Structures are given as structure tokens and as C-alpha cells.
PDB file of N, CA and C in Angstrom:
ATOM      1  N   LYS A   1     -51.287  14.680  12.807  1.00  0.00           N
ATOM      2  CA  LYS A   1     -50.732  13.482  13.415  1.00  0.00           C
ATOM      3  C   LYS A   1     -51.851  12.618  13.963  1.00  0.00           C
ATOM      4  N   GLN A   2     -51.732  11.319  13.766  1.00  0.00           N
ATOM      5  CA  GLN A   2     -52.682  10.361  14.309  1.00  0.00           C
ATOM      6  C   GLN A   2     -52.045   9.686  15.520  1.00  0.00           C
ATOM      7  N   THR A   3     -52.845   9.434  16.548  1.00  0.00           N
ATOM      8  CA  THR A   3     -52.378   8.726  17.736  1.00  0.00           C
ATOM      9  C   THR A   3     -52.827   7.274  17.652  1.00  0.00           C
ATOM     10  N   TYR A   4     -51.925   6.366  17.997  1.00  0.00           N
ATOM     11  CA  TYR A   4     -52.212   4.938  17.949  1.00  0.00           C
ATOM     12  C   TYR A   4     -51.808   4.277  19.253  1.00  0.00           C
ATOM     13  N   LEU A   5     -52.485   3.196  19.559  1.00  0.00           N
ATOM     14  CA  LEU A   5     -52.058   2.285  20.608  1.00  0.00           C
ATOM     15  C   LEU A   5     -51.466   1.082  19.896  1.00  0.00           C
ATOM     16  N   ILE A   6     -50.188   0.817  20.122  1.00  0.00           N
ATOM     17  CA  ILE A   6     -49.579  -0.411  19.634  1.00  0.00           C
ATOM     18  C   ILE A   6     -49.715  -1.399  20.782  1.00  0.00           C
ATOM     19  N   ASP A   7     -50.561  -2.384  20.581  1.00  0.00           N
ATOM     20  CA  ASP A   7     -50.904  -3.335  21.635  1.00  0.00           C
ATOM     21  C   ASP A   7     -50.376  -4.697  21.231  1.00  0.00           C
ATOM     22  N   TRP A   8     -49.662  -5.349  22.148  1.00  0.00           N
ATOM     23  CA  TRP A   8     -49.175  -6.682  21.814  1.00  0.00           C
ATOM     24  C   TRP A   8     -49.565  -7.675  22.887  1.00  0.00           C
ATOM     25  N   GLN A   9     -49.922  -8.865  22.436  1.00  0.00           N
ATOM     26  CA  GLN A   9     -50.332  -9.967  23.294  1.00  0.00           C
ATOM     27  C   GLN A   9     -49.267 -11.053  23.182  1.00  0.00           C
ATOM     28  N   PHE A  10     -48.700 -11.442  24.302  1.00  0.00           N
ATOM     29  CA  PHE A  10     -47.677 -12.478  24.303  1.00  0.00           C
ATOM     30  C   PHE A  10     -48.314 -13.858  24.178  1.00  0.00           C
ATOM     31  N   SER A  11     -47.551 -14.798  23.633  1.00  0.00           N
ATOM     32  CA  SER A  11     -48.066 -16.143  23.385  1.00  0.00           C
ATOM     33  C   SER A  11     -48.267 -16.941  24.677  1.00  0.00           C
ATOM     34  N   ASP A  12     -47.437 -16.655  25.697  1.00  0.00           N
ATOM     35  CA  ASP A  12     -47.570 -17.369  26.959  1.00  0.00           C
ATOM     36  C   ASP A  12     -46.927 -16.533  28.075  1.00  0.00           C
ATOM     37  N   GLN A  13     -47.055 -17.013  29.291  1.00  0.00           N
ATOM     38  CA  GLN A  13     -46.557 -16.262  30.446  1.00  0.00           C
ATOM     39  C   GLN A  13     -45.036 -16.115  30.420  1.00  0.00           C
ATOM     40  N   GLU A  14     -44.331 -17.140  29.957  1.00  0.00           N
ATOM     41  CA  GLU A  14     -42.870 -17.068  29.892  1.00  0.00           C
ATOM     42  C   GLU A  14     -42.420 -15.959  28.934  1.00  0.00           C
ATOM     43  N   ALA A  15     -43.038 -15.894  27.773  1.00  0.00           N
ATOM     44  CA  ALA A  15     -42.705 -14.832  26.820  1.00  0.00           C
ATOM     45  C   ALA A  15     -43.054 -13.462  27.400  1.00  0.00           C
ATOM     46  N   HIS A  16     -44.174 -13.406  28.142  1.00  0.00           N
ATOM     47  CA  HIS A  16     -44.573 -12.146  28.763  1.00  0.00           C
ATOM     48  C   HIS A  16     -43.527 -11.685  29.778  1.00  0.00           C
ATOM     49  N   MET A  17     -43.008 -12.605  30.577  1.00  0.00           N
ATOM     50  CA  MET A  17     -41.998 -12.238  31.575  1.00  0.00           C
ATOM     51  C   MET A  17     -40.708 -11.768  30.902  1.00  0.00           C
ATOM     52  N   GLN A  18     -40.304 -12.414  29.817  1.00  0.00           N
ATOM     53  CA  GLN A  18     -39.122 -11.965  29.067  1.00  0.00           C
ATOM     54  C   GLN A  18     -39.367 -10.568  28.495  1.00  0.00           C
ATOM     55  N   GLY A  19     -40.544 -10.389  27.932  1.00  0.00           N
ATOM     56  CA  GLY A  19     -40.904  -9.076  27.383  1.00  0.00           C
ATOM     57  C   GLY A  19     -40.998  -8.015  28.460  1.00  0.00           C
ATOM     58  N   ALA A  20     -41.480  -8.412  29.652  1.00  0.00           N
ATOM     59  CA  ALA A  20     -41.601  -7.454  30.760  1.00  0.00           C
ATOM     60  C   ALA A  20     -40.237  -6.925  31.170  1.00  0.00           C
ATOM     61  N   ASP A  21     -39.233  -7.796  31.151  1.00  0.00           N
ATOM     62  CA  ASP A  21     -37.869  -7.355  31.482  1.00  0.00           C
ATOM     63  C   ASP A  21     -37.366  -6.335  30.459  1.00  0.00           C
ATOM     64  N   VAL A  22     -37.599  -6.612  29.180  1.00  0.00           N
ATOM     65  CA  VAL A  22     -37.186  -5.686  28.121  1.00  0.00           C
ATOM     66  C   VAL A  22     -37.933  -4.354  28.276  1.00  0.00           C
ATOM     67  N   PHE A  23     -39.244  -4.440  28.558  1.00  0.00           N
ATOM     68  CA  PHE A  23     -40.060  -3.240  28.708  1.00  0.00           C
ATOM     69  C   PHE A  23     -39.590  -2.412  29.907  1.00  0.00           C
ATOM     70  N   ALA A  24     -39.251  -3.079  31.015  1.00  0.00           N
ATOM     71  CA  ALA A  24     -38.773  -2.372  32.209  1.00  0.00           C
ATOM     72  C   ALA A  24     -37.469  -1.637  31.912  1.00  0.00           C
ATOM     73  N   LYS A  25     -36.568  -2.269  31.175  1.00  0.00           N
ATOM     74  CA  LYS A  25     -35.312  -1.610  30.806  1.00  0.00           C
ATOM     75  C   LYS A  25     -35.584  -0.394  29.924  1.00  0.00           C
ATOM     76  N   TYR A  26     -36.541  -0.536  29.004  1.00  0.00           N
ATOM     77  CA  TYR A  26     -36.904   0.587  28.147  1.00  0.00           C
ATOM     78  C   TYR A  26     -37.413   1.754  28.994  1.00  0.00           C
ATOM     79  N   VAL A  27     -38.329   1.471  29.929  1.00  0.00           N
ATOM     80  CA  VAL A  27     -38.903   2.526  30.764  1.00  0.00           C
ATOM     81  C   VAL A  27     -37.822   3.186  31.616  1.00  0.00           C
ATOM     82  N   GLU A  28     -36.902   2.396  32.178  1.00  0.00           N
ATOM     83  CA  GLU A  28     -35.805   2.935  32.982  1.00  0.00           C
ATOM     84  C   GLU A  28     -34.921   3.891  32.197  1.00  0.00           C
ATOM     85  N   ASN A  29     -34.664   3.559  30.950  1.00  0.00           N
ATOM     86  CA  ASN A  29     -33.726   4.321  30.133  1.00  0.00           C
ATOM     87  C   ASN A  29     -34.397   5.316  29.196  1.00  0.00           C
ATOM     88  N   ARG A  30     -35.676   5.447  29.323  1.00  0.00           N
ATOM     89  CA  ARG A  30     -36.448   6.321  28.433  1.00  0.00           C
ATOM     90  C   ARG A  30     -35.980   7.763  28.551  1.00  0.00           C
ATOM     91  N   CYS A  31     -36.012   8.457  27.451  1.00  0.00           N
ATOM     92  CA  CYS A  31     -35.594   9.855  27.475  1.00  0.00           C
ATOM     93  C   CYS A  31     -36.296  10.614  26.360  1.00  0.00           C
ATOM     94  N   GLU A  32     -35.910  11.840  26.179  1.00  0.00           N
ATOM     95  CA  GLU A  32     -36.514  12.687  25.150  1.00  0.00           C
ATOM     96  C   GLU A  32     -36.264  12.156  23.746  1.00  0.00           C
ATOM     97  N   SER A  33     -35.381  11.187  23.611  1.00  0.00           N
ATOM     98  CA  SER A  33     -35.068  10.671  22.284  1.00  0.00           C
ATOM     99  C   SER A  33     -36.072   9.622  21.812  1.00  0.00           C
ATOM    100  N   ASP A  34     -37.265   9.616  22.387  1.00  0.00           N
ATOM    101  CA  ASP A  34     -38.312   8.714  21.932  1.00  0.00           C
ATOM    102  C   ASP A  34     -39.008   9.265  20.690  1.00  0.00           C
ATOM    103  N   LYS A  35     -38.311  10.112  19.993  1.00  0.00           N
ATOM    104  CA  LYS A  35     -38.819  10.677  18.738  1.00  0.00           C
ATOM    105  C   LYS A  35     -38.023  10.053  17.600  1.00  0.00           C
ATOM    106  N   PHE A  36     -38.752   9.471  16.681  1.00  0.00           N
ATOM    107  CA  PHE A  36     -38.155   8.803  15.539  1.00  0.00           C
ATOM    108  C   PHE A  36     -38.684   9.453  14.271  1.00  0.00           C
ATOM    109  N   GLU A  37     -38.043   9.173  13.172  1.00  0.00           N
ATOM    110  CA  GLU A  37     -38.534   9.720  11.908  1.00  0.00           C
ATOM    111  C   GLU A  37     -39.911   9.128  11.627  1.00  0.00           C
ATOM    112  N   GLY A  38     -40.917   9.957  11.606  1.00  0.00           N
ATOM    113  CA  GLY A  38     -42.275   9.526  11.313  1.00  0.00           C
ATOM    114  C   GLY A  38     -43.177   9.303  12.513  1.00  0.00           C
ATOM    115  N   PHE A  39     -42.610   9.246  13.728  1.00  0.00           N
ATOM    116  CA  PHE A  39     -43.465   9.050  14.906  1.00  0.00           C
ATOM    117  C   PHE A  39     -42.684   9.327  16.189  1.00  0.00           C
ATOM    118  N   GLU A  40     -43.446   9.470  17.278  1.00  0.00           N
ATOM    119  CA  GLU A  40     -42.842   9.595  18.600  1.00  0.00           C
ATOM    120  C   GLU A  40     -43.647   8.767  19.592  1.00  0.00           C
ATOM    121  N   ILE A  41     -42.948   8.222  20.594  1.00  0.00           N
ATOM    122  CA  ILE A  41     -43.601   7.446  21.643  1.00  0.00           C
ATOM    123  C   ILE A  41     -44.078   8.418  22.716  1.00  0.00           C
ATOM    124  N   ILE A  42     -45.357   8.359  23.019  1.00  0.00           N
ATOM    125  CA  ILE A  42     -45.954   9.239  24.028  1.00  0.00           C
ATOM    126  C   ILE A  42     -45.873   8.596  25.410  1.00  0.00           C
ATOM    127  N   ASN A  43     -46.213   7.295  25.483  1.00  0.00           N
ATOM    128  CA  ASN A  43     -46.214   6.618  26.767  1.00  0.00           C
ATOM    129  C   ASN A  43     -46.242   5.114  26.562  1.00  0.00           C
ATOM    130  N   GLY A  44     -45.785   4.379  27.554  1.00  0.00           N
ATOM    131  CA  GLY A  44     -45.894   2.929  27.556  1.00  0.00           C
ATOM    132  C   GLY A  44     -47.017   2.517  28.485  1.00  0.00           C
ATOM    133  N   VAL A  45     -47.668   1.411  28.186  1.00  0.00           N
ATOM    134  CA  VAL A  45     -48.735   0.882  29.042  1.00  0.00           C
ATOM    135  C   VAL A  45     -48.502  -0.611  29.230  1.00  0.00           C
ATOM    136  N   MET A  46     -48.865  -1.126  30.408  1.00  0.00           N
ATOM    137  CA  MET A  46     -48.666  -2.541  30.693  1.00  0.00           C
ATOM    138  C   MET A  46     -49.848  -3.066  31.489  1.00  0.00           C
ATOM    139  N   ASN A  47     -50.294  -4.245  31.125  1.00  0.00           N
ATOM    140  CA  ASN A  47     -51.325  -4.941  31.876  1.00  0.00           C
ATOM    141  C   ASN A  47     -50.624  -6.015  32.708  1.00  0.00           C
ATOM    142  N   PRO A  48     -50.317  -5.733  33.977  1.00  0.00           N
ATOM    143  CA  PRO A  48     -49.557  -6.690  34.791  1.00  0.00           C
ATOM    144  C   PRO A  48     -50.326  -7.976  35.086  1.00  0.00           C
ATOM    145  N   GLU A  49     -51.643  -7.956  34.978  1.00  0.00           N
ATOM    146  CA  GLU A  49     -52.451  -9.143  35.251  1.00  0.00           C
ATOM    147  C   GLU A  49     -52.601 -10.033  34.021  1.00  0.00           C
ATOM    148  N   GLY A  50     -52.419  -9.444  32.843  1.00  0.00           N
ATOM    149  CA  GLY A  50     -52.584 -10.210  31.607  1.00  0.00           C
ATOM    150  C   GLY A  50     -51.247 -10.428  30.944  1.00  0.00           C
ATOM    151  N   GLN A  51     -51.290 -10.783  29.698  1.00  0.00           N
ATOM    152  CA  GLN A  51     -50.082 -11.018  28.935  1.00  0.00           C
ATOM    153  C   GLN A  51     -49.993 -10.003  27.823  1.00  0.00           C
ATOM    154  N   GLU A  52     -50.312  -8.737  28.135  1.00  0.00           N
ATOM    155  CA  GLU A  52     -50.251  -7.743  27.082  1.00  0.00           C
ATOM    156  C   GLU A  52     -49.673  -6.435  27.581  1.00  0.00           C
ATOM    157  N   ASP A  53     -48.989  -5.769  26.680  1.00  0.00           N
ATOM    158  CA  ASP A  53     -48.363  -4.476  26.932  1.00  0.00           C
ATOM    159  C   ASP A  53     -48.626  -3.600  25.718  1.00  0.00           C
ATOM    160  N   GLY A  54     -48.169  -2.358  25.781  1.00  0.00           N
ATOM    161  CA  GLY A  54     -48.370  -1.503  24.624  1.00  0.00           C
ATOM    162  C   GLY A  54     -47.637  -0.189  24.726  1.00  0.00           C
ATOM    163  N   LEU A  55     -47.724   0.555  23.652  1.00  0.00           N
ATOM    164  CA  LEU A  55     -47.167   1.904  23.560  1.00  0.00           C
ATOM    165  C   LEU A  55     -48.204   2.805  22.928  1.00  0.00           C
ATOM    166  N   ILE A  56     -48.244   4.037  23.383  1.00  0.00           N
ATOM    167  CA  ILE A  56     -49.062   5.052  22.720  1.00  0.00           C
ATOM    168  C   ILE A  56     -48.100   5.887  21.902  1.00  0.00           C
ATOM    169  N   VAL A  57     -48.366   5.967  20.591  1.00  0.00           N
ATOM    170  CA  VAL A  57     -47.486   6.705  19.697  1.00  0.00           C
ATOM    171  C   VAL A  57     -48.294   7.730  18.907  1.00  0.00           C
ATOM    172  N   LYS A  58     -47.627   8.800  18.536  1.00  0.00           N
ATOM    173  CA  LYS A  58     -48.201   9.815  17.659  1.00  0.00           C
ATOM    174  C   LYS A  58     -47.365   9.757  16.397  1.00  0.00           C
ATOM    175  N   GLU A  59     -48.031   9.565  15.236  1.00  0.00           N
ATOM    176  CA  GLU A  59     -47.259   9.351  14.025  1.00  0.00           C
ATOM    177  C   GLU A  59     -47.729  10.191  12.853  1.00  0.00           C
ATOM    178  N   THR A  60     -46.784  10.387  11.955  1.00  0.00           N
ATOM    179  CA  THR A  60     -47.079  11.029  10.672  1.00  0.00           C
ATOM    180  C   THR A  60     -46.800  10.059   9.521  1.00  0.00           C
ATOM    181  N   ASP A  61     -46.159   8.928   9.824  1.00  0.00           N
ATOM    182  CA  ASP A  61     -45.825   7.932   8.801  1.00  0.00           C
ATOM    183  C   ASP A  61     -46.056   6.545   9.382  1.00  0.00           C
ATOM    184  N   HIS A  62     -47.164   5.943   9.006  1.00  0.00           N
ATOM    185  CA  HIS A  62     -47.549   4.640   9.562  1.00  0.00           C
ATOM    186  C   HIS A  62     -46.508   3.566   9.257  1.00  0.00           C
ATOM    187  N   LYS A  63     -45.897   3.611   8.075  1.00  0.00           N
ATOM    188  CA  LYS A  63     -44.884   2.616   7.719  1.00  0.00           C
ATOM    189  C   LYS A  63     -43.677   2.690   8.648  1.00  0.00           C
ATOM    190  N   ALA A  64     -43.339   3.881   9.103  1.00  0.00           N
ATOM    191  CA  ALA A  64     -42.202   4.033  10.024  1.00  0.00           C
ATOM    192  C   ALA A  64     -42.466   3.282  11.326  1.00  0.00           C
ATOM    193  N   VAL A  65     -43.695   3.324  11.816  1.00  0.00           N
ATOM    194  CA  VAL A  65     -44.057   2.605  13.039  1.00  0.00           C
ATOM    195  C   VAL A  65     -43.924   1.101  12.814  1.00  0.00           C
ATOM    196  N   LEU A  66     -44.456   0.621  11.698  1.00  0.00           N
ATOM    197  CA  LEU A  66     -44.387  -0.816  11.402  1.00  0.00           C
ATOM    198  C   LEU A  66     -42.945  -1.290  11.288  1.00  0.00           C
ATOM    199  N   LYS A  67     -42.114  -0.540  10.606  1.00  0.00           N
ATOM    200  CA  LYS A  67     -40.707  -0.916  10.438  1.00  0.00           C
ATOM    201  C   LYS A  67     -39.982  -0.915  11.779  1.00  0.00           C
ATOM    202  N   TRP A  68     -40.379  -0.023  12.697  1.00  0.00           N
ATOM    203  CA  TRP A  68     -39.708   0.087  13.993  1.00  0.00           C
ATOM    204  C   TRP A  68     -40.034  -1.092  14.897  1.00  0.00           C
ATOM    205  N   TYR A  69     -41.326  -1.457  15.013  1.00  0.00           N
ATOM    206  CA  TYR A  69     -41.677  -2.458  16.017  1.00  0.00           C
ATOM    207  C   TYR A  69     -41.511  -3.897  15.540  1.00  0.00           C
ATOM    208  N   GLN A  70     -41.608  -4.167  14.258  1.00  0.00           N
ATOM    209  CA  GLN A  70     -41.577  -5.559  13.800  1.00  0.00           C
ATOM    210  C   GLN A  70     -40.307  -6.314  14.194  1.00  0.00           C
ATOM    211  N   PRO A  71     -39.106  -5.784  14.007  1.00  0.00           N
ATOM    212  CA  PRO A  71     -37.914  -6.548  14.398  1.00  0.00           C
ATOM    213  C   PRO A  71     -37.842  -6.832  15.901  1.00  0.00           C
ATOM    214  N   GLY A  72     -38.334  -5.917  16.719  1.00  0.00           N
ATOM    215  CA  GLY A  72     -38.251  -6.080  18.168  1.00  0.00           C
ATOM    216  C   GLY A  72     -39.149  -7.159  18.724  1.00  0.00           C
ATOM    217  N   PHE A  73     -40.198  -7.523  18.004  1.00  0.00           N
ATOM    218  CA  PHE A  73     -41.154  -8.501  18.517  1.00  0.00           C
ATOM    219  C   PHE A  73     -40.907  -9.909  17.994  1.00  0.00           C
ATOM    220  N   LYS A  74     -39.976 -10.058  17.066  1.00  0.00           N
ATOM    221  CA  LYS A  74     -39.648 -11.398  16.584  1.00  0.00           C
ATOM    222  C   LYS A  74     -39.083 -12.205  17.750  1.00  0.00           C
ATOM    223  N   GLY A  75     -39.470 -13.438  17.858  1.00  0.00           N
ATOM    224  CA  GLY A  75     -38.956 -14.294  18.919  1.00  0.00           C
ATOM    225  C   GLY A  75     -39.842 -14.347  20.150  1.00  0.00           C
ATOM    226  N   PHE A  76     -40.725 -13.373  20.331  1.00  0.00           N
ATOM    227  CA  PHE A  76     -41.643 -13.412  21.478  1.00  0.00           C
ATOM    228  C   PHE A  76     -42.952 -14.096  21.122  1.00  0.00           C
ATOM    229  N   GLY A  77     -43.225 -14.311  19.844  1.00  0.00           N
ATOM    230  CA  GLY A  77     -44.467 -14.955  19.425  1.00  0.00           C
ATOM    231  C   GLY A  77     -45.683 -14.088  19.669  1.00  0.00           C
ATOM    232  N   ASP A  78     -45.522 -12.801  19.554  1.00  0.00           N
ATOM    233  CA  ASP A  78     -46.600 -11.865  19.871  1.00  0.00           C
ATOM    234  C   ASP A  78     -47.594 -11.700  18.729  1.00  0.00           C
ATOM    235  N   VAL A  79     -48.788 -11.327  19.134  1.00  0.00           N
ATOM    236  CA  VAL A  79     -49.796 -10.821  18.212  1.00  0.00           C
ATOM    237  C   VAL A  79     -49.823  -9.322  18.455  1.00  0.00           C
ATOM    238  N   VAL A  80     -49.558  -8.533  17.413  1.00  0.00           N
ATOM    239  CA  VAL A  80     -49.466  -7.082  17.558  1.00  0.00           C
ATOM    240  C   VAL A  80     -50.599  -6.422  16.784  1.00  0.00           C
ATOM    241  N   GLU A  81     -51.268  -5.467  17.428  1.00  0.00           N
ATOM    242  CA  GLU A  81     -52.296  -4.660  16.777  1.00  0.00           C
ATOM    243  C   GLU A  81     -51.892  -3.203  16.871  1.00  0.00           C
ATOM    244  N   VAL A  82     -52.127  -2.465  15.801  1.00  0.00           N
ATOM    245  CA  VAL A  82     -51.915  -1.023  15.802  1.00  0.00           C
ATOM    246  C   VAL A  82     -53.304  -0.410  15.671  1.00  0.00           C
ATOM    247  N   ILE A  83     -53.770   0.208  16.768  1.00  0.00           N
ATOM    248  CA  ILE A  83     -55.157   0.652  16.890  1.00  0.00           C
ATOM    249  C   ILE A  83     -55.215   2.176  16.912  1.00  0.00           C
ATOM    250  N   PRO A  84     -55.946   2.799  15.971  1.00  0.00           N
ATOM    251  CA  PRO A  84     -56.104   4.250  16.040  1.00  0.00           C
ATOM    252  C   PRO A  84     -56.923   4.619  17.279  1.00  0.00           C
ATOM    253  N   ILE A  85     -56.476   5.626  18.016  1.00  0.00           N
ATOM    254  CA  ILE A  85     -57.196   6.072  19.215  1.00  0.00           C
ATOM    255  C   ILE A  85     -57.307   7.592  19.199  1.00  0.00           C
ATOM    256  N   LEU A  86     -58.232   8.099  19.986  1.00  0.00           N
ATOM    257  CA  LEU A  86     -58.371   9.541  20.191  1.00  0.00           C
ATOM    258  C   LEU A  86     -57.974   9.847  21.622  1.00  0.00           C
ATOM    259  N   ILE A  87     -57.059  10.770  21.808  1.00  0.00           N
ATOM    260  CA  ILE A  87     -56.719  11.202  23.161  1.00  0.00           C
ATOM    261  C   ILE A  87     -57.748  12.239  23.587  1.00  0.00           C
ATOM    262  N   ASP A  88     -57.760  12.583  24.865  1.00  0.00           N
ATOM    263  CA  ASP A  88     -58.820  13.401  25.458  1.00  0.00           C
ATOM    264  C   ASP A  88     -59.236  14.611  24.627  1.00  0.00           C
ATOM    265  N   ASN A  89     -58.285  15.485  24.320  1.00  0.00           N
ATOM    266  CA  ASN A  89     -58.654  16.728  23.650  1.00  0.00           C
ATOM    267  C   ASN A  89     -59.180  16.493  22.237  1.00  0.00           C
ATOM    268  N   LYS A  90     -58.672  15.483  21.532  1.00  0.00           N
ATOM    269  CA  LYS A  90     -59.164  15.175  20.179  1.00  0.00           C
ATOM    270  C   LYS A  90     -60.578  14.609  20.257  1.00  0.00           C
ATOM    271  N   TYR A  91     -60.822  13.752  21.242  1.00  0.00           N
ATOM    272  CA  TYR A  91     -62.159  13.206  21.413  1.00  0.00           C
ATOM    273  C   TYR A  91     -63.156  14.317  21.725  1.00  0.00           C
ATOM    274  N   LEU A  92     -62.783  15.188  22.649  1.00  0.00           N
ATOM    275  CA  LEU A  92     -63.677  16.260  23.057  1.00  0.00           C
ATOM    276  C   LEU A  92     -64.006  17.180  21.873  1.00  0.00           C
ATOM    277  N   ALA A  93     -62.999  17.512  21.077  1.00  0.00           N
ATOM    278  CA  ALA A  93     -63.236  18.377  19.913  1.00  0.00           C
ATOM    279  C   ALA A  93     -64.206  17.710  18.956  1.00  0.00           C
ATOM    280  N   GLY A  94     -64.037  16.424  18.684  1.00  0.00           N
ATOM    281  CA  GLY A  94     -64.944  15.709  17.792  1.00  0.00           C
ATOM    282  C   GLY A  94     -66.338  15.583  18.380  1.00  0.00           C
ATOM    283  N   HIS A  95     -66.421  15.326  19.665  1.00  0.00           N
ATOM    284  CA  HIS A  95     -67.711  15.199  20.342  1.00  0.00           C
ATOM    285  C   HIS A  95     -68.500  16.502  20.261  1.00  0.00           C
ATOM    286  N   LYS A  96     -67.810  17.617  20.463  1.00  0.00           N
ATOM    287  CA  LYS A  96     -68.497  18.915  20.408  1.00  0.00           C
ATOM    288  C   LYS A  96     -68.990  19.220  19.000  1.00  0.00           C
ATOM    289  N   GLU A  97     -68.250  18.773  17.972  1.00  0.00           N
ATOM    290  CA  GLU A  97     -68.694  18.987  16.595  1.00  0.00           C
ATOM    291  C   GLU A  97     -69.957  18.214  16.277  1.00  0.00           C
ATOM    292  N   LEU A  98     -70.158  17.079  16.940  1.00  0.00           N
ATOM    293  CA  LEU A  98     -71.332  16.260  16.693  1.00  0.00           C
ATOM    294  C   LEU A  98     -72.595  16.798  17.360  1.00  0.00           C
ATOM    295  N   ASP A  99     -72.415  17.632  18.382  1.00  0.00           N
ATOM    296  CA  ASP A  99     -73.583  18.194  19.094  1.00  0.00           C
ATOM    297  C   ASP A  99     -74.333  19.185  18.254  1.00  0.00           C
TER     298      ASP A  99
END
């Protein structure tokens, strides 16, 4: 499984505030069902000072992630990036191999 940060930048402060409300509702109602076919949501992240938010996901099917998030971001005018990341233990394992 690969871990990704899905990072989105809102077009303006108004869109960010609308998105923040949606994100807050998601966090309030979050449960163990954050597992979807091909990926699972590990955590949500928010930059309250900027106009960007994100999710950390672990996936086995990259297309499943793309199909999931694209409809939800229509109308907010967002720029979305899906960035491969290493979480602590994966980074440490790779770092030790390089020594």
C-alpha cells in the first residue's frame, strides 16, 4: 500500500469557508467506514491560516482515489494534488537501508 496526501487549495477565502463547513461535518461524522474499495482515509489535515486542506490516505488502487475525490471538489474551484508520502515507520525503514 502507498500512502498519499490529497492536498487541495481553494480558489478564494469564500470557497475555503464553504469547504471548511463540509470538512467539519465529515470530521464530526467520521467512523470506521472510512475504508473504500481501493483505499482508506487515515486522517484529515487542515491549514486554518491558509486556504488548503487535505486527507492522508493509504491506497492499493490510485484510480479509486481519483474517482472518489473528483466529484466532491467540483464547484469549489480547487486545485488538487495527490502527493506520495512516507509515514514515520516507512521513512525510517528506507533511511536505515541507505546507511
